[in-house]
C-alpha atoms as a PDB file:
ATOM      1  CA  MET A   1    -107.775  93.522 -28.925  1.00  0.00           C
ATOM      2  CA  SER A   2    -108.969  93.130 -25.500  1.00  0.00           C
ATOM      3  CA  ASN A   3    -107.150  94.666 -22.586  1.00  0.00           C
ATOM      4  CA  PHE A   4    -104.983  92.441 -20.370  1.00  0.00           C
ATOM      5  CA  THR A   5    -104.944  92.577 -16.702  1.00  0.00           C
ATOM      6  CA  LEU A   6    -102.366  93.459 -14.411  1.00  0.00           C
ATOM      7  CA  LYS A   7    -103.101  90.313 -12.431  1.00  0.00           C
ATOM      8  CA  GLN A   8    -102.373  88.324 -15.743  1.00  0.00           C
ATOM      9  CA  LEU A   9     -99.021  90.613 -16.228  1.00  0.00           C
ATOM     10  CA  ARG A  10     -98.335  89.341 -12.323  1.00  0.00           C
ATOM     11  CA  TYR A  11     -98.768  85.706 -13.020  1.00  0.00           C
ATOM     12  CA  PHE A  12     -96.653  85.850 -16.588  1.00  0.00           C
ATOM     13  CA  GLU A  13     -93.882  87.645 -14.482  1.00  0.00           C
ATOM     14  CA  ALA A  14     -94.161  84.767 -12.094  1.00  0.00           C
ATOM     15  CA  VAL A  15     -93.852  82.145 -14.429  1.00  0.00           C
ATOM     16  CA  ALA A  16     -91.282  83.876 -16.493  1.00  0.00           C
ATOM     17  CA  ALA A  17     -89.173  84.026 -13.197  1.00  0.00           C
ATOM     18  CA  GLN A  18     -89.827  80.313 -12.040  1.00  0.00           C
ATOM     19  CA  GLY A  19     -89.742  78.714 -15.598  1.00  0.00           C
ATOM     20  CA  HIS A  20     -92.745  76.278 -14.355  1.00  0.00           C
ATOM     21  CA  PHE A  21     -96.466  76.849 -13.654  1.00  0.00           C
ATOM     22  CA  GLY A  22     -96.557  74.996 -10.456  1.00  0.00           C
ATOM     23  CA  ARG A  23     -93.729  76.946  -8.747  1.00  0.00           C
ATOM     24  CA  ALA A  24     -95.217  80.190 -10.050  1.00  0.00           C
ATOM     25  CA  ALA A  25     -98.846  79.100  -8.693  1.00  0.00           C
ATOM     26  CA  ASP A  26     -96.849  78.441  -5.375  1.00  0.00           C
ATOM     27  CA  VAL A  27     -95.503  81.783  -5.464  1.00  0.00           C
ATOM     28  CA  CYS A  28     -98.663  83.651  -6.395  1.00  0.00           C
ATOM     29  CA  ALA A  29    -101.007  81.522  -3.778  1.00  0.00           C
ATOM     30  CA  ILE A  30    -103.556  80.018  -6.562  1.00  0.00           C
ATOM     31  CA  SER A  31    -103.872  76.555  -7.997  1.00  0.00           C
ATOM     32  CA  GLN A  32    -101.821  75.687 -10.999  1.00  0.00           C
ATOM     33  CA  PRO A  33    -104.727  75.360 -13.095  1.00  0.00           C
ATOM     34  CA  ALA A  34    -105.826  78.806 -12.187  1.00  0.00           C
ATOM     35  CA  ILE A  35    -102.422  80.047 -13.355  1.00  0.00           C
ATOM     36  CA  SER A  36    -102.345  78.332 -16.629  1.00  0.00           C
ATOM     37  CA  VAL A  37    -105.820  79.506 -17.500  1.00  0.00           C
ATOM     38  CA  GLN A  38    -104.914  83.039 -16.691  1.00  0.00           C
ATOM     39  CA  ILE A  39    -101.533  82.657 -19.279  1.00  0.00           C
ATOM     40  CA  LYS A  40    -103.669  81.141 -21.666  1.00  0.00           C
ATOM     41  CA  GLU A  41    -106.048  84.022 -21.813  1.00  0.00           C
ATOM     42  CA  LEU A  42    -103.014  86.444 -22.093  1.00  0.00           C
ATOM     43  CA  GLU A  43    -101.523  84.667 -24.949  1.00  0.00           C
ATOM     44  CA  GLU A  44    -105.204  84.372 -26.837  1.00  0.00           C
ATOM     45  CA  THR A  45    -105.229  88.447 -25.944  1.00  0.00           C
ATOM     46  CA  LEU A  46    -102.065  88.804 -27.714  1.00  0.00           C
ATOM     47  CA  GLY A  47    -102.490  86.503 -30.349  1.00  0.00           C
ATOM     48  CA  THR A  48     -99.235  84.706 -29.893  1.00  0.00           C
ATOM     49  CA  THR A  49     -97.467  82.455 -27.402  1.00  0.00           C
ATOM     50  CA  LEU A  50     -95.359  83.451 -24.717  1.00  0.00           C
ATOM     51  CA  PHE A  51     -93.831  80.387 -23.332  1.00  0.00           C
ATOM     52  CA  GLU A  52     -92.624  76.955 -24.833  1.00  0.00           C
ATOM     53  CA  ARG A  53     -94.574  74.299 -22.936  1.00  0.00           C
ATOM     54  CA  GLY A  54     -91.996  71.377 -22.020  1.00  0.00           C
ATOM     55  CA  PRO A  55     -92.633  68.099 -19.462  1.00  0.00           C
ATOM     56  CA  ARG A  56     -90.295  69.674 -17.073  1.00  0.00           C
ATOM     57  CA  GLY A  57     -91.379  73.456 -17.364  1.00  0.00           C
ATOM     58  CA  VAL A  58     -91.559  76.284 -19.710  1.00  0.00           C
ATOM     59  CA  ARG A  59     -89.233  78.689 -21.597  1.00  0.00           C
ATOM     60  CA  LEU A  60     -90.147  82.021 -22.926  1.00  0.00           C
ATOM     61  CA  THR A  61     -90.512  82.285 -26.599  1.00  0.00           C
ATOM     62  CA  ALA A  62     -88.309  85.213 -28.225  1.00  0.00           C
ATOM     63  CA  LEU A  63     -91.567  87.506 -28.129  1.00  0.00           C
ATOM     64  CA  GLY A  64     -91.846  86.182 -24.435  1.00  0.00           C
ATOM     65  CA  GLU A  65     -88.493  87.477 -23.370  1.00  0.00           C
ATOM     66  CA  VAL A  66     -89.271  91.115 -25.117  1.00  0.00           C
ATOM     67  CA  PHE A  67     -92.439  91.046 -23.417  1.00  0.00           C
ATOM     68  CA  ALA A  68     -90.863  90.159 -19.893  1.00  0.00           C
ATOM     69  CA  GLY A  69     -88.851  93.057 -19.925  1.00  0.00           C
ATOM     70  CA  ARG A  70     -91.699  95.252 -20.640  1.00  0.00           C
ATOM     71  CA  VAL A  71     -94.002  93.701 -18.238  1.00  0.00           C
ATOM     72  CA  ARG A  72     -91.196  93.920 -15.222  1.00  0.00           C
ATOM     73  CA  ALA A  73     -90.961  97.718 -16.135  1.00  0.00           C
ATOM     74  CA  ILE A  74     -94.814  98.033 -15.834  1.00  0.00           C
ATOM     75  CA  LEU A  75     -95.036  96.110 -12.616  1.00  0.00           C
ATOM     76  CA  ARG A  76     -92.092  98.223 -11.265  1.00  0.00           C
ATOM     77  CA  ARG A  77     -93.964 101.459 -12.025  1.00  0.00           C
ATOM     78  CA  VAL A  78     -97.136 100.143 -10.376  1.00  0.00           C
ATOM     79  CA  ASP A  79     -95.455  99.388  -7.316  1.00  0.00           C
ATOM     80  CA  ASP A  80     -93.571 102.721  -6.868  1.00  0.00           C
ATOM     81  CA  LEU A  81     -97.061 104.027  -6.895  1.00  0.00           C
ATOM     82  CA  GLY A  82     -98.045 102.121  -4.069  1.00  0.00           C
ATOM     83  CA  ASP A  83     -94.658 103.166  -2.408  1.00  0.00           C
ATOM     84  CA  LEU A  84     -95.256 106.607  -3.161  1.00  0.00           C
ATOM     85  CA  ALA A  85     -98.673 106.470  -1.240  1.00  0.00           C
ATOM     86  CA  ARG A  86     -97.100 104.558   1.521  1.00  0.00           C
ATOM     87  CA  ALA A  87     -93.966 107.175   1.569  1.00  0.00           C
ATOM     88  CA  THR A  88     -96.520 109.958   2.472  1.00  0.00           C
ATOM     89  CA  GLN A  89     -98.001 108.438   5.606  1.00  0.00           C
ATOM     90  CA  ASP A  90     -96.723 108.939   9.072  1.00  0.00           C
ATOM     91  CA  GLY A  91     -94.467 106.570  10.561  1.00  0.00           C
ATOM     92  CA  LEU A  92     -93.696 102.982   8.659  1.00  0.00           C
ATOM     93  CA  VAL A  93     -96.591 100.852   7.477  1.00  0.00           C
ATOM     94  CA  GLY A  94     -97.590  98.014   5.474  1.00  0.00           C
ATOM     95  CA  LYS A  95     -95.422  95.348   3.669  1.00  0.00           C
ATOM     96  CA  LEU A  96     -91.752  95.514   3.821  1.00  0.00           C
ATOM     97  CA  ARG A  97     -90.010  93.108   1.340  1.00  0.00           C
ATOM     98  CA  LEU A  98     -86.543  92.580   2.758  1.00  0.00           C
ATOM     99  CA  GLY A  99     -83.663  90.453   1.278  1.00  0.00           C
ATOM    100  CA  VAL A 100     -80.847  88.897   3.458  1.00  0.00           C
ATOM    101  CA  ILE A 101     -77.858  86.751   2.722  1.00  0.00           C
ATOM    102  CA  PRO A 102     -77.341  83.575   4.456  1.00  0.00           C
ATOM    103  CA  THR A 103     -74.345  84.501   6.637  1.00  0.00           C
ATOM    104  CA  ILE A 104     -76.143  87.280   8.027  1.00  0.00           C
ATOM    105  CA  ALA A 105     -80.078  86.205   8.454  1.00  0.00           C
ATOM    106  CA  PRO A 106     -80.036  83.553  11.282  1.00  0.00           C
ATOM    107  CA  TYR A 107     -78.000  85.882  13.391  1.00  0.00           C
ATOM    108  CA  LEU A 108     -79.461  89.436  12.884  1.00  0.00           C
ATOM    109  CA  LEU A 109     -83.131  88.654  11.956  1.00  0.00           C
ATOM    110  CA  PRO A 110     -84.382  87.388  15.338  1.00  0.00           C
ATOM    111  CA  ARG A 111     -83.126  90.827  17.255  1.00  0.00           C
ATOM    112  CA  LEU A 112     -84.259  92.697  14.135  1.00  0.00           C
ATOM    113  CA  TYR A 113     -87.757  91.280  14.386  1.00  0.00           C
ATOM    114  CA  GLY A 114     -88.063  92.103  17.845  1.00  0.00           C
ATOM    115  CA  ASN A 115     -86.993  95.756  17.575  1.00  0.00           C
ATOM    116  CA  LEU A 116     -88.971  96.487  14.444  1.00  0.00           C
ATOM    117  CA  ALA A 117     -92.165  95.327  16.042  1.00  0.00           C
ATOM    118  CA  ALA A 118     -91.721  97.290  19.111  1.00  0.00           C
ATOM    119  CA  SER A 119     -90.598 100.607  17.213  1.00  0.00           C
ATOM    120  CA  HIS A 120     -92.822 100.098  14.182  1.00  0.00           C
ATOM    121  CA  PRO A 121     -95.976  97.693  15.039  1.00  0.00           C
ATOM    122  CA  ASP A 122     -97.519  98.345  11.704  1.00  0.00           C
ATOM    123  CA  LEU A 123     -94.586  97.241   9.778  1.00  0.00           C
ATOM    124  CA  ASP A 124     -95.499  93.740   7.919  1.00  0.00           C
ATOM    125  CA  MET A 125     -92.063  92.374   7.166  1.00  0.00           C
ATOM    126  CA  HIS A 126     -91.744  89.773   4.262  1.00  0.00           C
ATOM    127  CA  VAL A 127     -88.092  88.166   4.335  1.00  0.00           C
ATOM    128  CA  LYS A 128     -86.142  86.512   1.468  1.00  0.00           C
ATOM    129  CA  GLU A 129     -82.958  84.800   2.620  1.00  0.00           C
ATOM    130  CA  THR A 130     -80.528  83.954  -0.851  1.00  0.00           C
ATOM    131  CA  GLN A 131     -77.088  84.719  -2.122  1.00  0.00           C
ATOM    132  CA  THR A 132     -76.159  88.564  -3.054  1.00  0.00           C
ATOM    133  CA  GLU A 133     -76.470  87.942  -6.689  1.00  0.00           C
ATOM    134  CA  LYS A 134     -80.089  86.966  -6.589  1.00  0.00           C
ATOM    135  CA  LEU A 135     -80.638  89.945  -3.913  1.00  0.00           C
ATOM    136  CA  ILE A 136     -79.755  92.561  -6.215  1.00  0.00           C
ATOM    137  CA  ALA A 137     -81.502  90.895  -9.385  1.00  0.00           C
ATOM    138  CA  GLU A 138     -84.714  91.047  -7.019  1.00  0.00           C
ATOM    139  CA  LEU A 139     -83.882  94.289  -5.926  1.00  0.00           C
ATOM    140  CA  ILE A 140     -83.541  95.833  -9.576  1.00  0.00           C
ATOM    141  CA  ALA A 141     -86.567  93.760 -10.714  1.00  0.00           C
ATOM    142  CA  GLY A 142     -88.297  95.751  -7.891  1.00  0.00           C
ATOM    143  CA  ARG A 143     -89.497  92.333  -6.282  1.00  0.00           C
ATOM    144  CA  LEU A 144     -87.903  93.653  -3.191  1.00  0.00           C
ATOM    145  CA  ASP A 145     -87.560  97.042  -1.392  1.00  0.00           C
ATOM    146  CA  THR A 146     -84.440  96.643   0.128  1.00  0.00           C
ATOM    147  CA  ALA A 147     -81.792  94.159   1.301  1.00  0.00           C
ATOM    148  CA  ILE A 148     -78.726  93.473   3.804  1.00  0.00           C
ATOM    149  CA  LEU A 149     -75.572  92.258   2.636  1.00  0.00           C
ATOM    150  CA  ALA A 150     -71.909  92.511   2.547  1.00  0.00           C
ATOM    151  CA  LEU A 151     -70.787  95.637   0.945  1.00  0.00           C
ATOM    152  CA  PRO A 152     -69.424  97.170  -1.616  1.00  0.00           C
ATOM    153  CA  ILE A 153     -71.828  96.161  -4.249  1.00  0.00           C
ATOM    154  CA  SER A 154     -70.740  98.834  -6.717  1.00  0.00           C
ATOM    155  CA  GLU A 155     -74.331  98.648  -8.420  1.00  0.00           C
ATOM    156  CA  PRO A 156     -75.240 101.980 -10.083  1.00  0.00           C
ATOM    157  CA  ALA A 157     -78.914 101.394  -9.863  1.00  0.00           C
ATOM    158  CA  LEU A 158     -78.659 101.123  -6.101  1.00  0.00           C
ATOM    159  CA  THR A 159     -78.120 103.192  -2.977  1.00  0.00           C
ATOM    160  CA  GLU A 160     -75.407 101.588  -0.388  1.00  0.00           C
ATOM    161  CA  THR A 161     -75.882 102.745   3.065  1.00  0.00           C
ATOM    162  CA  PRO A 162     -73.040 101.287   5.454  1.00  0.00           C
ATOM    163  CA  LEU A 163     -74.110 100.192   8.831  1.00  0.00           C
ATOM    164  CA  PHE A 164     -71.485  98.224  10.829  1.00  0.00           C
ATOM    165  CA  SER A 165     -68.140  96.452  10.419  1.00  0.00           C
ATOM    166  CA  GLU A 166     -67.596  93.022  12.002  1.00  0.00           C
ATOM    167  CA  LYS A 167     -64.431  90.559  12.239  1.00  0.00           C
ATOM    168  CA  PHE A 168     -63.991  87.319  11.098  1.00  0.00           C
ATOM    169  CA  VAL A 169     -62.633  84.524  13.727  1.00  0.00           C
ATOM    170  CA  LEU A 170     -60.975  81.282  13.156  1.00  0.00           C
ATOM    171  CA  VAL A 171     -62.852  78.138  14.206  1.00  0.00           C
ATOM    172  CA  ARG A 172     -60.672  75.106  15.143  1.00  0.00           C
ATOM    173  CA  ASN A 173     -61.224  71.811  16.742  1.00  0.00           C
ATOM    174  CA  ALA A 174     -61.231  72.192  20.601  1.00  0.00           C
ATOM    175  CA  ARG A 175     -58.051  70.300  21.143  1.00  0.00           C
ATOM    176  CA  ASP A 176     -56.022  72.878  19.174  1.00  0.00           C
ATOM    177  CA  ALA A 177     -57.538  75.666  21.171  1.00  0.00           C
ATOM    178  CA  ASN A 178     -53.846  76.654  22.791  1.00  0.00           C
ATOM    179  CA  LYS A 179     -52.151  76.415  19.556  1.00  0.00           C
ATOM    180  CA  PRO A 180     -50.678  79.450  18.238  1.00  0.00           C
ATOM    181  CA  VAL A 181     -53.246  81.700  15.743  1.00  0.00           C
ATOM    182  CA  PRO A 182     -52.254  81.226  12.174  1.00  0.00           C
ATOM    183  CA  ASP A 183     -51.626  84.173   9.974  1.00  0.00           C
ATOM    184  CA  SER A 184     -53.015  84.385   6.217  1.00  0.00           C
ATOM    185  CA  THR A 185     -49.976  82.379   4.860  1.00  0.00           C
ATOM    186  CA  THR A 186     -50.068  79.823   7.336  1.00  0.00           C
ATOM    187  CA  LEU A 187     -53.689  79.212   7.090  1.00  0.00           C
ATOM    188  CA  ARG A 188     -53.265  78.794   3.239  1.00  0.00           C
ATOM    189  CA  GLU A 189     -51.430  75.511   4.152  1.00  0.00           C
ATOM    190  CA  MET A 190     -54.389  74.175   6.329  1.00  0.00           C
ATOM    191  CA  ARG A 191     -57.393  72.456   5.210  1.00  0.00           C
ATOM    192  CA  LEU A 192     -59.874  75.211   5.050  1.00  0.00           C
ATOM    193  CA  LEU A 193     -63.296  74.629   4.769  1.00  0.00           C
ATOM    194  CA  LEU A 194     -65.292  77.199   2.839  1.00  0.00           C
ATOM    195  CA  LEU A 195     -68.893  77.784   1.685  1.00  0.00           C
ATOM    196  CA  GLU A 196     -69.712  76.699  -1.784  1.00  0.00           C
ATOM    197  CA  GLU A 197     -69.200  79.234  -4.561  1.00  0.00           C
ATOM    198  CA  GLY A 198     -71.963  81.728  -4.792  1.00  0.00           C
ATOM    199  CA  HIS A 199     -71.666  83.189  -0.988  1.00  0.00           C
ATOM    200  CA  CYS A 200     -69.520  86.500  -0.909  1.00  0.00           C
ATOM    201  CA  PHE A 201     -68.403  85.247   2.605  1.00  0.00           C
ATOM    202  CA  ARG A 202     -66.394  82.689   0.715  1.00  0.00           C
ATOM    203  CA  ASP A 203     -64.795  85.163  -1.452  1.00  0.00           C
ATOM    204  CA  GLN A 204     -63.859  87.312   1.676  1.00  0.00           C
ATOM    205  CA  ALA A 205     -62.471  84.510   3.089  1.00  0.00           C
ATOM    206  CA  LEU A 206     -60.330  83.411   0.201  1.00  0.00           C
ATOM    207  CA  SER A 207     -59.167  87.127  -0.354  1.00  0.00           C
ATOM    208  CA  PHE A 208     -57.681  87.196   3.304  1.00  0.00           C
ATOM    209  CA  CYS A 209     -55.764  83.874   2.880  1.00  0.00           C
ATOM    210  CA  GLY A 210     -54.559  84.957  -0.540  1.00  0.00           C
ATOM    211  CA  MET A 211     -55.920  81.762  -2.004  1.00  0.00           C
ATOM    212  CA  ARG A 212     -57.794  80.912  -5.543  1.00  0.00           C
ATOM    213  CA  SER A 213     -61.159  79.457  -5.666  1.00  0.00           C
ATOM    214  CA  THR A 214     -59.880  76.754  -7.972  1.00  0.00           C
ATOM    215  CA  VAL A 215     -57.272  75.937  -5.101  1.00  0.00           C
ATOM    216  CA  ALA A 216     -59.920  75.980  -2.600  1.00  0.00           C
ATOM    217  CA  ARG A 217     -62.210  73.504  -4.375  1.00  0.00           C
ATOM    218  CA  GLU A 218     -59.767  70.802  -3.191  1.00  0.00           C
ATOM    219  CA  GLY A 219     -60.986  71.195   0.460  1.00  0.00           C
ATOM    220  CA  MET A 220     -64.590  70.552   1.577  1.00  0.00           C
ATOM    221  CA  GLU A 221     -67.389  72.979   0.729  1.00  0.00           C
ATOM    222  CA  GLY A 222     -70.600  73.507   2.734  1.00  0.00           C
ATOM    223  CA  SER A 223     -74.004  75.073   2.035  1.00  0.00           C
ATOM    224  CA  SER A 224     -74.219  76.771   5.443  1.00  0.00           C
ATOM    225  CA  LEU A 225     -71.801  78.018   8.262  1.00  0.00           C
ATOM    226  CA  SER A 226     -73.450  75.307  10.407  1.00  0.00           C
ATOM    227  CA  THR A 227     -72.222  72.497   8.616  1.00  0.00           C
ATOM    228  CA  LEU A 228     -68.511  73.904   8.351  1.00  0.00           C
ATOM    229  CA  VAL A 229     -68.331  74.250  12.147  1.00  0.00           C
ATOM    230  CA  GLN A 230     -69.568  71.098  12.791  1.00  0.00           C
ATOM    231  CA  MET A 231     -67.035  69.365  10.305  1.00  0.00           C
ATOM    232  CA  VAL A 232     -64.387  71.583  12.383  1.00  0.00           C
ATOM    233  CA  GLY A 233     -65.629  69.871  15.611  1.00  0.00           C
ATOM    234  CA  ALA A 234     -65.220  66.305  13.851  1.00  0.00           C
ATOM    235  CA  GLY A 235     -61.675  67.047  13.431  1.00  0.00           C
ATOM    236  CA  ILE A 236     -61.564  67.798   9.457  1.00  0.00           C
ATOM    237  CA  GLY A 237     -60.244  71.142   9.353  1.00  0.00           C
ATOM    238  CA  VAL A 238     -60.675  74.756  10.205  1.00  0.00           C
ATOM    239  CA  THR A 239     -62.903  77.524   9.012  1.00  0.00           C
ATOM    240  CA  LEU A 240     -63.518  81.535   9.254  1.00  0.00           C
ATOM    241  CA  ILE A 241     -66.837  82.715  10.333  1.00  0.00           C
ATOM    242  CA  PRO A 242     -68.386  86.234  11.041  1.00  0.00           C
ATOM    243  CA  GLU A 243     -68.075  87.216  15.002  1.00  0.00           C
ATOM    244  CA  MET A 244     -72.295  87.543  14.991  1.00  0.00           C
ATOM    245  CA  ALA A 245     -72.418  83.728  13.978  1.00  0.00           C
ATOM    246  CA  VAL A 246     -70.281  82.671  17.023  1.00  0.00           C
ATOM    247  CA  PRO A 247     -72.939  82.412  19.566  1.00  0.00           C
ATOM    248  CA  VAL A 248     -75.249  80.142  17.388  1.00  0.00           C
ATOM    249  CA  GLU A 249     -72.717  78.013  15.510  1.00  0.00           C
ATOM    250  CA  THR A 250     -70.393  77.165  18.215  1.00  0.00           C
ATOM    251  CA  ARG A 251     -72.666  76.273  21.217  1.00  0.00           C
ATOM    252  CA  SER A 252     -73.117  72.614  20.144  1.00  0.00           C
ATOM    253  CA  ALA A 253     -69.808  72.018  18.661  1.00  0.00           C
ATOM    254  CA  GLU A 254     -66.348  70.759  19.978  1.00  0.00           C
ATOM    255  CA  VAL A 255     -64.658  73.929  18.650  1.00  0.00           C
ATOM    256  CA  SER A 256     -62.559  76.639  19.875  1.00  0.00           C
ATOM    257  CA  ILE A 257     -62.688  80.316  18.467  1.00  0.00           C
ATOM    258  CA  ALA A 258     -59.517  82.408  18.011  1.00  0.00           C
ATOM    259  CA  ARG A 259     -58.993  86.035  16.767  1.00  0.00           C
ATOM    260  CA  PHE A 260     -56.387  87.074  14.348  1.00  0.00           C
ATOM    261  CA  THR A 261     -53.828  89.713  14.644  1.00  0.00           C
ATOM    262  CA  ASP A 262     -54.260  93.003  13.415  1.00  0.00           C
ATOM    263  CA  PRO A 263     -55.145  93.882  10.698  1.00  0.00           C
ATOM    264  CA  GLN A 264     -57.877  91.385  11.263  1.00  0.00           C
ATOM    265  CA  PRO A 265     -60.294  90.412   8.306  1.00  0.00           C
ATOM    266  CA  GLU A 266     -63.776  92.022   8.298  1.00  0.00           C
ATOM    267  CA  ARG A 267     -66.738  92.708   6.497  1.00  0.00           C
ATOM    268  CA  GLN A 268     -68.793  96.032   6.040  1.00  0.00           C
ATOM    269  CA  ILE A 269     -72.463  95.232   6.475  1.00  0.00           C
ATOM    270  CA  GLY A 270     -75.006  97.497   4.739  1.00  0.00           C
ATOM    271  CA  MET A 271     -78.440  98.059   3.240  1.00  0.00           C
ATOM    272  CA  VAL A 272     -79.025  98.554  -0.333  1.00  0.00           C
ATOM    273  CA  TRP A 273     -82.095  99.654  -2.224  1.00  0.00           C
ATOM    274  CA  ARG A 274     -82.877 101.225  -5.563  1.00  0.00           C
ATOM    275  CA  LYS A 275     -82.323 104.874  -5.982  1.00  0.00           C
ATOM    276  CA  THR A 276     -85.688 105.681  -7.659  1.00  0.00           C
ATOM    277  CA  SER A 277     -87.678 104.058  -4.735  1.00  0.00           C
ATOM    278  CA  PRO A 278     -90.126 106.280  -3.002  1.00  0.00           C
ATOM    279  CA  LEU A 279     -89.432 104.682   0.296  1.00  0.00           C
ATOM    280  CA  SER A 280     -85.848 105.946   0.659  1.00  0.00           C
ATOM    281  CA  ASP A 281     -86.588 108.150   3.641  1.00  0.00           C
ATOM    282  CA  GLN A 282     -88.460 105.199   5.547  1.00  0.00           C
ATOM    283  CA  LEU A 283     -85.546 102.589   4.678  1.00  0.00           C
ATOM    284  CA  ARG A 284     -83.151 104.756   6.132  1.00  0.00           C
ATOM    285  CA  LYS A 285     -85.136 104.443   9.188  1.00  0.00           C
ATOM    286  CA  ILE A 286     -85.115 100.962   9.043  1.00  0.00           C
ATOM    287  CA  ALA A 287     -81.473 101.110   8.321  1.00  0.00           C
ATOM    288  CA  ASP A 288     -80.855 102.858  11.802  1.00  0.00           C
ATOM    289  CA  VAL A 289     -82.975 100.009  13.535  1.00  0.00           C
ATOM    290  CA  VAL A 290     -80.349  97.388  11.795  1.00  0.00           C
ATOM    291  CA  GLN A 291     -77.521  99.307  12.778  1.00  0.00           C
ATOM    292  CA  SER A 292     -78.661  99.210  16.468  1.00  0.00           C
ATOM    293  CA  CYS A 293     -79.169  95.504  15.980  1.00  0.00           C
ATOM    294  CA  GLY A 294     -75.501  94.806  14.428  1.00  0.00           C
ATOM    295  CA  LEU A 295     -73.692  96.856  16.772  1.00  0.00           C
ATOM    296  CA  PRO A 296     -71.647  94.854  19.404  1.00  0.00           C
ATOM    297  CA  ALA A 297     -73.220  94.766  22.700  1.00  0.00           C
END
C-alpha cells in the first residue's frame, strides 16, 4: 500500500469537521474538485471508503470515524512539533490561533490587536469567534492554540489562567433611568431579554436571577448583545450586559445603565490552552497582554 500524505490527512480532517466538501475546500483555501480528488486518492490508498456521499453533504463511515480519531491525534502531534520549534525562538513569532467568545470579542480585540502589534510585531494572530463549547472542542483537537473566555471551564486537558473580572450592568429603557434598581428577585418578574442558548453569558445572567432556562424561553432571545440592547431601547424589556460592552452597545440606543447593589453579578475572564502545549510559556506572556487590555482604565 502506498503512503498517504500529510496534506491528504489535513484535507480529510477538514471534510470530517465540516461535513461538506465545499465548506472544507473554503477552509483549506483550495477548490472543491481539488479536495475531492485528494480524498478519493486517500480512499484508494486505504482500499476503502471513509465518507458516505449525499446530496447535502457527507458523513463518516464506521471506519471513517475511527480513522478520524487517529488522524486528529497525528495532526496534533505534527502541530506540536512546529510549536516546539517556535518555543525555542526568542520572542513571540509566527501564527497564533486564538479563539474568543462573542460576548468578549468585539470589545476586547481592537485594543488587544493594537497592544500585541506594538509589543510583538512578528506575531500573526488568527482569530475565531464562537461559543465556549466549540472553542473547547477546537482547543482539544489542536485547531486553536488558546482561547479567551469566561471561567471556570473545568476541562482536565486545559490550563486555566484567570485574567480579570468584570461586573454585569442592567440595561433598561432611557425613560426608566430614575427608577430604583431592581434586585435579582424583582428582575425575575420583569421581561428579561437574553442571549440564545449556547452562550455562557446567558447562563450567568440566569444564575444571578435564579431563573431556569425553560422559564426564560418565554421572553425574547437574541444572537448578540447588540440586538438585545436595541430591543431594550425600543421598550420591549430589560437585559444584562458585561461592563466592557457598555461603550459599544449603548452609544446608539435609547437606554440607561444601572449598577446592581453588592454583591454585584460578575464573571471571571481568563485564557485557556492545552496543558501539553509547547507554547505554554509564550501563551502566559500573551495572557499578560490580554490582562492589561481588560483591566479598567
